[in-house]
Amino acid sequence: MKRTQIYLSNNEWQLLQMLSRKRQVTMAQLIRDAVDKVYAGKSAESFLDALNAAAGIWKNRRDLGNTEDYLGNLREDRRLERFSRR
């Protein structure tokens, strides 16, 4: 672990002091936790976990049309445009 110094505004210091007492941890620990939460890199595993959690999220939506029908209509419209240009 490395030691460092930072400058805090009075408001920042008071907030950390209050949270430190409330959570019964040091101000340094609060700062380390905040740095980890905001700036720590996300691992590939956590990315895959998020991706898997999102899979199928829209499967039961009724306000979205059928994808195959939508794509078929797009392709059909383009075919008509191409044939009309000839």
N, C-alpha and C. Protein backbone atom coordinates (compact mmCIF):
# COMPACT_ATOMS: atom_id res chain seq x y z
N MET A 1 0.85 -1.17 0.00
CA MET A 1 0.00 0.00 0.00
C MET A 1 0.89 1.23 0.00
N LYS A 2 0.51 2.23 -0.78
CA LYS A 2 1.25 3.48 -0.88
C LYS A 2 0.55 4.56 -0.06
N ARG A 3 1.35 5.45 0.49
CA ARG A 3 0.81 6.58 1.25
C ARG A 3 0.77 7.80 0.33
N THR A 4 -0.31 8.57 0.45
CA THR A 4 -0.44 9.80 -0.34
C THR A 4 -1.19 10.85 0.45
N GLN A 5 -1.11 12.07 -0.01
CA GLN A 5 -1.85 13.17 0.62
C GLN A 5 -2.74 13.81 -0.43
N ILE A 6 -3.92 14.24 0.02
CA ILE A 6 -4.83 14.94 -0.89
C ILE A 6 -5.38 16.17 -0.17
N TYR A 7 -5.82 17.13 -0.96
CA TYR A 7 -6.47 18.31 -0.42
C TYR A 7 -7.97 18.15 -0.61
N LEU A 8 -8.70 18.38 0.48
CA LEU A 8 -10.16 18.30 0.45
C LEU A 8 -10.75 19.65 0.84
N SER A 9 -11.88 19.97 0.25
CA SER A 9 -12.59 21.17 0.70
C SER A 9 -13.15 20.89 2.09
N ASN A 10 -13.55 21.94 2.77
CA ASN A 10 -14.15 21.75 4.10
C ASN A 10 -15.38 20.86 4.02
N ASN A 11 -16.19 21.06 2.98
CA ASN A 11 -17.40 20.25 2.83
C ASN A 11 -17.06 18.78 2.60
N GLU A 12 -16.07 18.51 1.75
CA GLU A 12 -15.66 17.12 1.49
C GLU A 12 -15.14 16.47 2.76
N TRP A 13 -14.33 17.22 3.52
CA TRP A 13 -13.75 16.68 4.74
C TRP A 13 -14.85 16.38 5.76
N GLN A 14 -15.81 17.31 5.90
CA GLN A 14 -16.91 17.10 6.85
C GLN A 14 -17.76 15.90 6.46
N LEU A 15 -18.02 15.76 5.17
CA LEU A 15 -18.80 14.62 4.70
C LEU A 15 -18.08 13.31 5.01
N LEU A 16 -16.79 13.25 4.70
CA LEU A 16 -16.02 12.03 4.99
C LEU A 16 -15.95 11.76 6.49
N GLN A 17 -15.80 12.80 7.27
CA GLN A 17 -15.75 12.65 8.73
C GLN A 17 -17.06 12.06 9.24
N MET A 18 -18.18 12.59 8.75
CA MET A 18 -19.50 12.11 9.18
C MET A 18 -19.70 10.64 8.76
N LEU A 19 -19.39 10.33 7.49
CA LEU A 19 -19.54 8.95 7.02
C LEU A 19 -18.61 8.00 7.76
N SER A 20 -17.43 8.47 8.07
CA SER A 20 -16.46 7.66 8.79
C SER A 20 -17.02 7.23 10.15
N ARG A 21 -17.60 8.17 10.85
CA ARG A 21 -18.19 7.85 12.16
C ARG A 21 -19.39 6.92 12.01
N LYS A 22 -20.24 7.24 11.03
CA LYS A 22 -21.47 6.47 10.83
C LYS A 22 -21.15 5.02 10.48
N ARG A 23 -20.19 4.81 9.58
CA ARG A 23 -19.86 3.46 9.12
C ARG A 23 -18.77 2.78 9.94
N GLN A 24 -18.19 3.53 10.84
CA GLN A 24 -17.11 3.03 11.70
C GLN A 24 -15.93 2.49 10.89
N VAL A 25 -15.53 3.30 9.92
CA VAL A 25 -14.32 3.01 9.13
C VAL A 25 -13.53 4.30 9.04
N THR A 26 -12.28 4.19 8.65
CA THR A 26 -11.45 5.38 8.54
C THR A 26 -11.83 6.18 7.30
N MET A 27 -11.46 7.45 7.32
CA MET A 27 -11.66 8.29 6.13
C MET A 27 -10.85 7.73 4.97
N ALA A 28 -9.67 7.23 5.26
CA ALA A 28 -8.83 6.64 4.21
C ALA A 28 -9.54 5.47 3.55
N GLN A 29 -10.22 4.65 4.34
CA GLN A 29 -10.94 3.50 3.77
C GLN A 29 -12.09 3.96 2.89
N LEU A 30 -12.78 5.00 3.31
CA LEU A 30 -13.86 5.54 2.47
C LEU A 30 -13.32 6.01 1.13
N ILE A 31 -12.17 6.68 1.15
CA ILE A 31 -11.56 7.17 -0.10
C ILE A 31 -11.12 6.01 -0.96
N ARG A 32 -10.49 4.99 -0.36
CA ARG A 32 -10.06 3.81 -1.14
C ARG A 32 -11.26 3.12 -1.78
N ASP A 33 -12.34 2.98 -1.00
CA ASP A 33 -13.55 2.34 -1.54
C ASP A 33 -14.12 3.13 -2.72
N ALA A 34 -14.13 4.46 -2.58
CA ALA A 34 -14.65 5.30 -3.66
C ALA A 34 -13.78 5.20 -4.91
N VAL A 35 -12.47 5.19 -4.73
CA VAL A 35 -11.55 5.07 -5.87
C VAL A 35 -11.76 3.72 -6.55
N ASP A 36 -11.87 2.66 -5.77
CA ASP A 36 -12.11 1.33 -6.35
C ASP A 36 -13.41 1.30 -7.14
N LYS A 37 -14.45 1.88 -6.57
CA LYS A 37 -15.76 1.84 -7.21
C LYS A 37 -15.78 2.63 -8.51
N VAL A 38 -15.13 3.78 -8.53
CA VAL A 38 -15.21 4.67 -9.69
C VAL A 38 -14.16 4.36 -10.74
N TYR A 39 -12.92 4.08 -10.31
CA TYR A 39 -11.82 4.01 -11.26
C TYR A 39 -11.24 2.62 -11.50
N ALA A 40 -11.58 1.65 -10.68
CA ALA A 40 -11.02 0.31 -10.87
C ALA A 40 -11.54 -0.29 -12.17
N GLY A 41 -10.67 -0.96 -12.90
CA GLY A 41 -11.07 -1.57 -14.17
C GLY A 41 -12.01 -2.72 -13.94
N LYS A 42 -12.90 -2.90 -14.88
CA LYS A 42 -13.84 -4.00 -14.81
C LYS A 42 -13.21 -5.23 -15.45
N SER A 43 -13.35 -6.34 -14.82
CA SER A 43 -12.78 -7.57 -15.36
C SER A 43 -13.66 -8.11 -16.48
N ALA A 44 -13.07 -8.95 -17.30
CA ALA A 44 -13.82 -9.58 -18.39
C ALA A 44 -14.96 -10.42 -17.81
N GLU A 45 -14.71 -11.03 -16.66
CA GLU A 45 -15.73 -11.87 -16.03
C GLU A 45 -16.96 -11.05 -15.64
N SER A 46 -16.74 -9.87 -15.06
CA SER A 46 -17.89 -9.05 -14.66
C SER A 46 -18.62 -8.53 -15.90
N PHE A 47 -17.89 -8.28 -16.99
CA PHE A 47 -18.54 -7.87 -18.24
C PHE A 47 -19.43 -8.99 -18.76
N LEU A 48 -18.91 -10.21 -18.74
CA LEU A 48 -19.70 -11.35 -19.21
C LEU A 48 -20.91 -11.60 -18.32
N ASP A 49 -20.74 -11.40 -17.02
CA ASP A 49 -21.88 -11.54 -16.11
C ASP A 49 -22.98 -10.54 -16.46
N ALA A 50 -22.59 -9.29 -16.73
CA ALA A 50 -23.57 -8.27 -17.10
C ALA A 50 -24.22 -8.60 -18.44
N LEU A 51 -23.42 -9.09 -19.37
CA LEU A 51 -23.95 -9.46 -20.69
C LEU A 51 -24.95 -10.60 -20.57
N ASN A 52 -24.62 -11.60 -19.78
CA ASN A 52 -25.54 -12.73 -19.58
C ASN A 52 -26.82 -12.29 -18.87
N ALA A 53 -26.70 -11.36 -17.94
CA ALA A 53 -27.88 -10.87 -17.23
C ALA A 53 -28.80 -10.10 -18.17
N ALA A 54 -28.23 -9.47 -19.19
CA ALA A 54 -29.04 -8.68 -20.13
C ALA A 54 -29.65 -9.53 -21.24
N ALA A 55 -29.14 -10.72 -21.43
CA ALA A 55 -29.64 -11.58 -22.52
C ALA A 55 -31.12 -11.87 -22.33
N GLY A 56 -31.89 -11.65 -23.38
CA GLY A 56 -33.32 -11.94 -23.34
C GLY A 56 -34.16 -10.92 -22.60
N ILE A 57 -33.59 -9.79 -22.28
CA ILE A 57 -34.29 -8.81 -21.47
C ILE A 57 -35.56 -8.27 -22.15
N TRP A 58 -35.59 -8.29 -23.48
CA TRP A 58 -36.75 -7.78 -24.21
C TRP A 58 -37.61 -8.88 -24.80
N LYS A 59 -37.40 -10.11 -24.42
CA LYS A 59 -38.07 -11.22 -25.09
C LYS A 59 -39.59 -11.20 -24.94
N ASN A 60 -40.12 -10.68 -23.87
CA ASN A 60 -41.57 -10.69 -23.66
C ASN A 60 -42.24 -9.34 -23.92
N ARG A 61 -41.54 -8.44 -24.57
CA ARG A 61 -42.14 -7.13 -24.86
C ARG A 61 -43.12 -7.25 -26.00
N ARG A 62 -44.27 -6.64 -25.83
CA ARG A 62 -45.31 -6.70 -26.86
C ARG A 62 -45.35 -5.45 -27.73
N ASP A 63 -44.62 -4.42 -27.30
CA ASP A 63 -44.63 -3.18 -28.07
C ASP A 63 -43.62 -3.20 -29.21
N LEU A 64 -42.80 -4.23 -29.27
CA LEU A 64 -41.82 -4.37 -30.34
C LEU A 64 -42.36 -5.35 -31.37
N GLY A 65 -42.21 -5.01 -32.62
CA GLY A 65 -42.68 -5.90 -33.67
C GLY A 65 -41.77 -7.11 -33.83
N ASN A 66 -42.17 -7.99 -34.72
CA ASN A 66 -41.40 -9.18 -35.03
C ASN A 66 -40.18 -8.77 -35.87
N THR A 67 -39.00 -9.14 -35.43
CA THR A 67 -37.77 -8.75 -36.10
C THR A 67 -37.71 -9.29 -37.52
N GLU A 68 -38.09 -10.53 -37.71
CA GLU A 68 -38.04 -11.13 -39.05
C GLU A 68 -38.97 -10.40 -40.02
N ASP A 69 -40.16 -10.04 -39.56
CA ASP A 69 -41.09 -9.29 -40.41
C ASP A 69 -40.52 -7.92 -40.76
N TYR A 70 -39.95 -7.26 -39.76
CA TYR A 70 -39.39 -5.93 -39.96
C TYR A 70 -38.27 -5.96 -40.99
N LEU A 71 -37.34 -6.91 -40.83
CA LEU A 71 -36.23 -7.01 -41.78
C LEU A 71 -36.72 -7.41 -43.17
N GLY A 72 -37.71 -8.28 -43.23
CA GLY A 72 -38.28 -8.66 -44.52
C GLY A 72 -38.87 -7.46 -45.24
N ASN A 73 -39.58 -6.61 -44.51
CA ASN A 73 -40.15 -5.41 -45.10
C ASN A 73 -39.07 -4.45 -45.59
N LEU A 74 -38.01 -4.31 -44.82
CA LEU A 74 -36.91 -3.45 -45.26
C LEU A 74 -36.30 -3.96 -46.55
N ARG A 75 -36.05 -5.25 -46.58
CA ARG A 75 -35.44 -5.83 -47.78
C ARG A 75 -36.37 -5.71 -48.99
N GLU A 76 -37.64 -5.92 -48.77
CA GLU A 76 -38.61 -5.83 -49.86
C GLU A 76 -38.65 -4.42 -50.42
N ASP A 77 -38.65 -3.42 -49.53
CA ASP A 77 -38.66 -2.03 -49.98
C ASP A 77 -37.43 -1.72 -50.82
N ARG A 78 -36.30 -2.22 -50.45
CA ARG A 78 -35.08 -1.96 -51.21
C ARG A 78 -35.11 -2.66 -52.57
N ARG A 79 -35.68 -3.84 -52.61
CA ARG A 79 -35.79 -4.55 -53.89
C ARG A 79 -36.65 -3.75 -54.86
N LEU A 80 -37.75 -3.22 -54.35
CA LEU A 80 -38.63 -2.42 -55.20
C LEU A 80 -37.91 -1.18 -55.72
N GLU A 81 -37.10 -0.54 -54.86
CA GLU A 81 -36.34 0.63 -55.30
C GLU A 81 -35.35 0.26 -56.40
N ARG A 82 -34.67 -0.84 -56.23
CA ARG A 82 -33.67 -1.25 -57.22
C ARG A 82 -34.32 -1.58 -58.56
N PHE A 83 -35.45 -2.26 -58.51
CA PHE A 83 -36.12 -2.63 -59.76
C PHE A 83 -36.71 -1.41 -60.46
N SER A 84 -37.15 -0.42 -59.69
CA SER A 84 -37.76 0.76 -60.30
C SER A 84 -36.72 1.66 -60.96
N ARG A 85 -35.46 1.54 -60.57
CA ARG A 85 -34.39 2.34 -61.17
C ARG A 85 -33.96 1.81 -62.53
N ARG A 86 -34.29 0.58 -62.83
CA ARG A 86 -33.83 -0.03 -64.09
C ARG A 86 -34.58 0.45 -65.27
